[in-house]
Structure formats: C-alpha cells, structure tokens
Amino acid sequence: MSIRCTVESAFFIAWSFLEKTGELGPPDTAANTILDAIEAQLKTGERRPLMLANRAIDAYRRLNQLSAAREARLG
C-alpha cells in the first residue's frame, strides 16, 4: 500500500469515527489535527492505517479537552 493510500485510509477511518460519535468539530480544524497526527506518526515509521487512525483520534480528543479546559478557566 502506498503512503498516499495509507494516509487516505487512516484519515477516512478517523474522520468517520469522530463524525459518527458526534465529536467532530469545525472541519478545517479537525482535518488539520487529524492529518498532523498522522504525519507525525509516519515520520516515526508507523504504516498501519488503523493504528494511525486510532492515534489521530486520541490526539484530536486531547486537543479538544485542552481547549475545553482553557475555555473553562477563561470563561
């Protein structure tokens, strides 16, 4: 499987999951967060689409939790 196909598969898995669970936020922010997480993992040698997707979902959730905590403090 090419890197392009791997990235597309991982992105689709992560996006679909977050969309189905209702966790998906603004599309631009979500896409950038997911792709950044996938890219970071590719640099470490990870090539399994499901692992890439799962870790991207975790990164997205962490970012949302940090944002919510920041808003609560400032709010």
N, C-alpha and C. Protein backbone atom coordinates (compact mmCIF):
# COMPACT_ATOMS: atom_id res chain seq x y z
N MET A 1 0.86 -1.17 0.00
CA MET A 1 0.00 0.00 0.00
C MET A 1 0.90 1.24 0.00
N SER A 2 0.60 2.19 -0.87
CA SER A 2 1.40 3.41 -0.94
C SER A 2 1.12 4.31 0.26
N ILE A 3 2.02 5.24 0.50
CA ILE A 3 1.85 6.18 1.61
C ILE A 3 0.56 6.98 1.42
N ARG A 4 0.28 7.38 0.20
CA ARG A 4 -0.94 8.15 -0.08
C ARG A 4 -2.18 7.35 0.31
N CYS A 5 -2.24 6.11 -0.08
CA CYS A 5 -3.39 5.25 0.27
C CYS A 5 -3.48 5.04 1.77
N THR A 6 -2.32 4.89 2.41
CA THR A 6 -2.28 4.70 3.85
C THR A 6 -2.85 5.91 4.57
N VAL A 7 -2.41 7.11 4.13
CA VAL A 7 -2.89 8.35 4.75
C VAL A 7 -4.39 8.51 4.50
N GLU A 8 -4.82 8.27 3.29
CA GLU A 8 -6.25 8.39 2.97
C GLU A 8 -7.09 7.43 3.81
N SER A 9 -6.65 6.20 3.93
CA SER A 9 -7.39 5.21 4.72
C SER A 9 -7.46 5.62 6.18
N ALA A 10 -6.31 6.01 6.74
CA ALA A 10 -6.28 6.40 8.15
C ALA A 10 -7.15 7.63 8.39
N PHE A 11 -7.05 8.60 7.50
CA PHE A 11 -7.85 9.82 7.65
C PHE A 11 -9.34 9.49 7.60
N PHE A 12 -9.75 8.68 6.64
CA PHE A 12 -11.15 8.31 6.50
C PHE A 12 -11.67 7.58 7.73
N ILE A 13 -10.87 6.67 8.26
CA ILE A 13 -11.27 5.94 9.47
C ILE A 13 -11.47 6.90 10.63
N ALA A 14 -10.49 7.77 10.86
CA ALA A 14 -10.58 8.72 11.98
C ALA A 14 -11.74 9.69 11.80
N TRP A 15 -11.87 10.25 10.62
CA TRP A 15 -12.93 11.23 10.33
C TRP A 15 -14.31 10.58 10.53
N SER A 16 -14.50 9.41 9.96
CA SER A 16 -15.79 8.72 10.06
C SER A 16 -16.15 8.41 11.50
N PHE A 17 -15.17 7.94 12.26
CA PHE A 17 -15.42 7.62 13.66
C PHE A 17 -15.83 8.87 14.43
N LEU A 18 -15.07 9.94 14.30
CA LEU A 18 -15.38 11.17 15.03
C LEU A 18 -16.73 11.75 14.60
N GLU A 19 -17.04 11.62 13.33
CA GLU A 19 -18.34 12.11 12.83
C GLU A 19 -19.49 11.29 13.41
N LYS A 20 -19.34 9.98 13.44
CA LYS A 20 -20.39 9.10 13.96
C LYS A 20 -20.61 9.27 15.45
N THR A 21 -19.55 9.60 16.19
CA THR A 21 -19.69 9.78 17.63
C THR A 21 -20.11 11.20 17.99
N GLY A 22 -20.21 12.08 17.00
CA GLY A 22 -20.63 13.46 17.25
C GLY A 22 -19.52 14.33 17.82
N GLU A 23 -18.30 13.86 17.76
CA GLU A 23 -17.16 14.60 18.32
C GLU A 23 -16.49 15.53 17.31
N LEU A 24 -16.84 15.39 16.05
CA LEU A 24 -16.18 16.16 15.01
C LEU A 24 -16.58 17.62 15.11
N GLY A 25 -15.59 18.48 15.22
CA GLY A 25 -15.82 19.92 15.33
C GLY A 25 -15.73 20.58 13.97
N PRO A 26 -15.25 21.82 13.95
CA PRO A 26 -15.11 22.53 12.68
C PRO A 26 -14.23 21.73 11.70
N PRO A 27 -14.69 21.58 10.48
CA PRO A 27 -13.99 20.71 9.52
C PRO A 27 -12.52 21.06 9.29
N ASP A 28 -12.19 22.33 9.16
CA ASP A 28 -10.80 22.71 8.91
C ASP A 28 -9.89 22.32 10.07
N THR A 29 -10.33 22.64 11.27
CA THR A 29 -9.54 22.32 12.45
C THR A 29 -9.41 20.81 12.62
N ALA A 30 -10.50 20.10 12.43
CA ALA A 30 -10.49 18.65 12.58
C ALA A 30 -9.55 18.01 11.56
N ALA A 31 -9.66 18.43 10.31
CA ALA A 31 -8.81 17.86 9.25
C ALA A 31 -7.33 18.12 9.54
N ASN A 32 -7.01 19.34 9.94
CA ASN A 32 -5.61 19.67 10.23
C ASN A 32 -5.07 18.86 11.40
N THR A 33 -5.87 18.72 12.44
CA THR A 33 -5.43 17.96 13.62
C THR A 33 -5.20 16.50 13.26
N ILE A 34 -6.13 15.91 12.54
CA ILE A 34 -6.02 14.51 12.15
C ILE A 34 -4.80 14.30 11.25
N LEU A 35 -4.65 15.15 10.25
CA LEU A 35 -3.52 15.00 9.33
C LEU A 35 -2.18 15.24 10.01
N ASP A 36 -2.11 16.21 10.92
CA ASP A 36 -0.87 16.45 11.66
C ASP A 36 -0.48 15.24 12.48
N ALA A 37 -1.48 14.62 13.12
CA ALA A 37 -1.20 13.43 13.94
C ALA A 37 -0.74 12.27 13.07
N ILE A 38 -1.35 12.10 11.93
CA ILE A 38 -0.96 11.02 11.01
C ILE A 38 0.45 11.28 10.49
N GLU A 39 0.74 12.51 10.10
CA GLU A 39 2.06 12.85 9.58
C GLU A 39 3.16 12.60 10.63
N ALA A 40 2.90 12.98 11.86
CA ALA A 40 3.88 12.78 12.93
C ALA A 40 4.18 11.29 13.11
N GLN A 41 3.16 10.46 13.01
CA GLN A 41 3.37 9.02 13.16
C GLN A 41 4.12 8.42 11.97
N LEU A 42 3.82 8.92 10.77
CA LEU A 42 4.52 8.44 9.59
C LEU A 42 6.02 8.70 9.70
N LYS A 43 6.37 9.82 10.31
CA LYS A 43 7.79 10.17 10.48
C LYS A 43 8.50 9.21 11.42
N THR A 44 7.74 8.55 12.29
CA THR A 44 8.34 7.57 13.20
C THR A 44 8.35 6.17 12.60
N GLY A 45 7.75 6.01 11.41
CA GLY A 45 7.77 4.72 10.73
C GLY A 45 6.47 3.94 10.80
N GLU A 46 5.48 4.46 11.49
CA GLU A 46 4.19 3.75 11.58
C GLU A 46 3.51 3.76 10.22
N ARG A 47 3.01 2.60 9.79
CA ARG A 47 2.35 2.50 8.48
C ARG A 47 1.00 1.78 8.54
N ARG A 48 0.59 1.35 9.72
CA ARG A 48 -0.69 0.63 9.82
C ARG A 48 -1.83 1.64 9.90
N PRO A 49 -2.74 1.64 8.91
CA PRO A 49 -3.80 2.64 8.87
C PRO A 49 -4.66 2.70 10.13
N LEU A 50 -5.00 1.56 10.69
CA LEU A 50 -5.85 1.56 11.88
C LEU A 50 -5.12 2.17 13.08
N MET A 51 -3.85 1.88 13.23
CA MET A 51 -3.06 2.47 14.31
C MET A 51 -2.93 3.98 14.10
N LEU A 52 -2.68 4.38 12.87
CA LEU A 52 -2.59 5.81 12.56
C LEU A 52 -3.90 6.52 12.90
N ALA A 53 -5.01 5.90 12.53
CA ALA A 53 -6.33 6.49 12.79
C ALA A 53 -6.61 6.57 14.28
N ASN A 54 -6.35 5.49 15.00
CA ASN A 54 -6.63 5.48 16.45
C ASN A 54 -5.84 6.54 17.19
N ARG A 55 -4.58 6.67 16.84
CA ARG A 55 -3.75 7.68 17.50
C ARG A 55 -4.15 9.10 17.08
N ALA A 56 -4.61 9.26 15.86
CA ALA A 56 -5.09 10.57 15.41
C ALA A 56 -6.36 10.94 16.16
N ILE A 57 -7.22 9.97 16.41
CA ILE A 57 -8.45 10.21 17.19
C ILE A 57 -8.07 10.62 18.60
N ASP A 58 -7.12 9.93 19.20
CA ASP A 58 -6.66 10.29 20.55
C ASP A 58 -6.10 11.71 20.58
N ALA A 59 -5.30 12.06 19.58
CA ALA A 59 -4.73 13.41 19.51
C ALA A 59 -5.83 14.46 19.38
N TYR A 60 -6.83 14.16 18.57
CA TYR A 60 -7.95 15.09 18.38
C TYR A 60 -8.72 15.28 19.69
N ARG A 61 -8.96 14.19 20.37
CA ARG A 61 -9.68 14.27 21.65
C ARG A 61 -8.88 15.05 22.69
N ARG A 62 -7.58 14.82 22.76
CA ARG A 62 -6.73 15.56 23.71
C ARG A 62 -6.76 17.05 23.42
N LEU A 63 -6.68 17.41 22.16
CA LEU A 63 -6.72 18.83 21.79
C LEU A 63 -8.05 19.45 22.19
N ASN A 64 -9.13 18.73 21.98
CA ASN A 64 -10.46 19.25 22.37
C ASN A 64 -10.59 19.38 23.88
N GLN A 65 -10.03 18.43 24.62
CA GLN A 65 -10.07 18.51 26.09
C GLN A 65 -9.27 19.70 26.58
N LEU A 66 -8.11 19.95 25.99
CA LEU A 66 -7.30 21.10 26.38
C LEU A 66 -8.02 22.40 26.07
N SER A 67 -8.65 22.45 24.91
CA SER A 67 -9.39 23.65 24.53
C SER A 67 -10.56 23.91 25.47
N ALA A 68 -11.27 22.85 25.84
CA ALA A 68 -12.40 22.99 26.75
C ALA A 68 -11.93 23.44 28.13
N ALA A 69 -10.82 22.90 28.61
CA ALA A 69 -10.28 23.29 29.90
C ALA A 69 -9.84 24.75 29.89
N ARG A 70 -9.22 25.18 28.79
CA ARG A 70 -8.78 26.55 28.66
C ARG A 70 -9.98 27.52 28.66
N GLU A 71 -11.02 27.13 27.96
CA GLU A 71 -12.22 27.97 27.91
C GLU A 71 -12.89 28.06 29.29
N ALA A 72 -12.89 26.94 30.01
CA ALA A 72 -13.49 26.93 31.36
C ALA A 72 -12.74 27.85 32.31
N ARG A 73 -11.42 27.85 32.18
CA ARG A 73 -10.62 28.74 33.04
C ARG A 73 -10.84 30.20 32.69
N LEU A 74 -10.92 30.48 31.41
CA LEU A 74 -11.05 31.88 30.96
C LEU A 74 -12.49 32.36 30.97
N GLY A 75 -13.42 31.40 30.84
CA GLY A 75 -14.83 31.69 30.68
C GLY A 75 -15.44 32.35 31.82
